[in-house]
Amino acid sequence: MVANQIVDMGILTMKSYDDCQHIGAAVVNECNCIISWNFKHIVNIKTIHGVRAITNLAGYKDIDILSPTVLLESE
């Protein structure tokens, strides 16, 4: 369902449906964050803001979307 919302809202396209499923699985399983090197589809401002909108509208827990370098810098 979340994967379909990502496509329906124009955040990503059906060409990136695997990425939508990855994000959706993390959201519905209440993960704290998604860590990815995929800057084209996942770790970018459009996706981050879009997923935040979906989680807020649908009542899911917020999820952080980060690159691995952010975690390394915080240690």
C-alpha atoms as a PDB file:
ATOM      1  CA  MET A   1       0.000   0.000   0.000  1.00  0.00           C
ATOM      2  CA  VAL A   2       2.727   2.518   0.899  1.00  0.00           C
ATOM      3  CA  ALA A   3       4.618   1.590  -2.261  1.00  0.00           C
ATOM      4  CA  ASN A   4       1.523   2.382  -4.319  1.00  0.00           C
ATOM      5  CA  GLN A   5       1.045   5.689  -2.483  1.00  0.00           C
ATOM      6  CA  ILE A   6       4.609   6.664  -3.355  1.00  0.00           C
ATOM      7  CA  VAL A   7       3.837   6.114  -7.035  1.00  0.00           C
ATOM      8  CA  ASP A   8       0.345   7.669  -6.844  1.00  0.00           C
ATOM      9  CA  MET A   9       1.756  10.838  -5.281  1.00  0.00           C
ATOM     10  CA  GLY A  10       4.401  11.107  -8.006  1.00  0.00           C
ATOM     11  CA  ILE A  11       7.312  10.718  -5.625  1.00  0.00           C
ATOM     12  CA  LEU A  12       8.731   7.837  -7.660  1.00  0.00           C
ATOM     13  CA  THR A  13       7.545   6.057 -10.801  1.00  0.00           C
ATOM     14  CA  MET A  14       6.637   2.456 -11.508  1.00  0.00           C
ATOM     15  CA  LYS A  15      10.146   2.037 -12.969  1.00  0.00           C
ATOM     16  CA  SER A  16      11.388   2.386  -9.382  1.00  0.00           C
ATOM     17  CA  TYR A  17       8.745   0.151  -7.832  1.00  0.00           C
ATOM     18  CA  ASP A  18      11.367  -2.046  -6.138  1.00  0.00           C
ATOM     19  CA  ASP A  19      12.609   1.057  -4.313  1.00  0.00           C
ATOM     20  CA  CYS A  20       9.000   1.933  -3.412  1.00  0.00           C
ATOM     21  CA  GLN A  21       8.559  -1.528  -1.910  1.00  0.00           C
ATOM     22  CA  HIS A  22      11.805  -1.158   0.031  1.00  0.00           C
ATOM     23  CA  ILE A  23      10.591   2.127   1.522  1.00  0.00           C
ATOM     24  CA  GLY A  24       7.096   0.772   2.126  1.00  0.00           C
ATOM     25  CA  ALA A  25       8.377  -2.304   3.937  1.00  0.00           C
ATOM     26  CA  ALA A  26      10.489  -0.139   6.232  1.00  0.00           C
ATOM     27  CA  VAL A  27       7.552   2.182   6.955  1.00  0.00           C
ATOM     28  CA  VAL A  28       4.966  -0.500   7.766  1.00  0.00           C
ATOM     29  CA  ASN A  29       7.469  -2.427   9.884  1.00  0.00           C
ATOM     30  CA  GLU A  30       8.158   0.739  11.900  1.00  0.00           C
ATOM     31  CA  CYS A  31      11.876   0.905  11.175  1.00  0.00           C
ATOM     32  CA  ASN A  32      13.632   3.940  12.581  1.00  0.00           C
ATOM     33  CA  CYS A  33      15.555   4.663   9.412  1.00  0.00           C
ATOM     34  CA  ILE A  34      16.475   3.591   5.912  1.00  0.00           C
ATOM     35  CA  ILE A  35      20.182   3.662   5.102  1.00  0.00           C
ATOM     36  CA  SER A  36      20.965   3.701   1.403  1.00  0.00           C
ATOM     37  CA  TRP A  37      23.509   4.742  -1.204  1.00  0.00           C
ATOM     38  CA  ASN A  38      20.637   5.156  -3.683  1.00  0.00           C
ATOM     39  CA  PHE A  39      20.686   8.936  -4.083  1.00  0.00           C
ATOM     40  CA  LYS A  40      18.678   8.835  -7.314  1.00  0.00           C
ATOM     41  CA  HIS A  41      15.515   7.314  -5.840  1.00  0.00           C
ATOM     42  CA  ILE A  42      15.712   7.026  -2.065  1.00  0.00           C
ATOM     43  CA  VAL A  43      18.112   9.447  -0.386  1.00  0.00           C
ATOM     44  CA  ASN A  44      16.945  12.684  -1.960  1.00  0.00           C
ATOM     45  CA  ILE A  45      14.836  15.592  -0.774  1.00  0.00           C
ATOM     46  CA  LYS A  46      11.802  14.786  -2.951  1.00  0.00           C
ATOM     47  CA  THR A  47      11.566  11.230  -1.637  1.00  0.00           C
ATOM     48  CA  ILE A  48      12.314  12.216   1.956  1.00  0.00           C
ATOM     49  CA  HIS A  49       9.601  14.899   1.994  1.00  0.00           C
ATOM     50  CA  GLY A  50       7.138  12.687   0.120  1.00  0.00           C
ATOM     51  CA  VAL A  51       7.590   9.741   2.466  1.00  0.00           C
ATOM     52  CA  ARG A  52       7.236  12.092   5.432  1.00  0.00           C
ATOM     53  CA  ALA A  53       3.913  13.313   3.984  1.00  0.00           C
ATOM     54  CA  ILE A  54       2.694   9.738   3.547  1.00  0.00           C
ATOM     55  CA  THR A  55       3.659   8.714   7.072  1.00  0.00           C
ATOM     56  CA  ASN A  56       1.977  11.786   8.550  1.00  0.00           C
ATOM     57  CA  LEU A  57      -1.226  11.396   6.521  1.00  0.00           C
ATOM     58  CA  ALA A  58      -1.538   7.658   7.077  1.00  0.00           C
ATOM     59  CA  GLY A  59      -0.562   7.671  10.761  1.00  0.00           C
ATOM     60  CA  TYR A  60       2.685   5.753  10.385  1.00  0.00           C
ATOM     61  CA  LYS A  61       5.734   6.418  12.526  1.00  0.00           C
ATOM     62  CA  ASP A  62       8.169   8.885  10.935  1.00  0.00           C
ATOM     63  CA  ILE A  63      11.205   7.300   9.331  1.00  0.00           C
ATOM     64  CA  ASP A  64      14.586   8.885   8.664  1.00  0.00           C
ATOM     65  CA  ILE A  65      16.139   8.330   5.247  1.00  0.00           C
ATOM     66  CA  LEU A  66      19.915   8.701   5.424  1.00  0.00           C
ATOM     67  CA  SER A  67      23.106   7.938   3.569  1.00  0.00           C
ATOM     68  CA  PRO A  68      25.674   5.726   5.319  1.00  0.00           C
ATOM     69  CA  THR A  69      28.051   8.685   5.601  1.00  0.00           C
ATOM     70  CA  VAL A  70      25.666  10.437   7.975  1.00  0.00           C
ATOM     71  CA  LEU A  71      25.903   7.505  10.370  1.00  0.00           C
ATOM     72  CA  LEU A  72      29.672   7.402  10.132  1.00  0.00           C
ATOM     73  CA  GLU A  73      29.898  11.131  10.856  1.00  0.00           C
ATOM     74  CA  SER A  74      27.731  10.805  13.962  1.00  0.00           C
ATOM     75  CA  GLU A  75      29.958   8.193  15.601  1.00  0.00           C
END
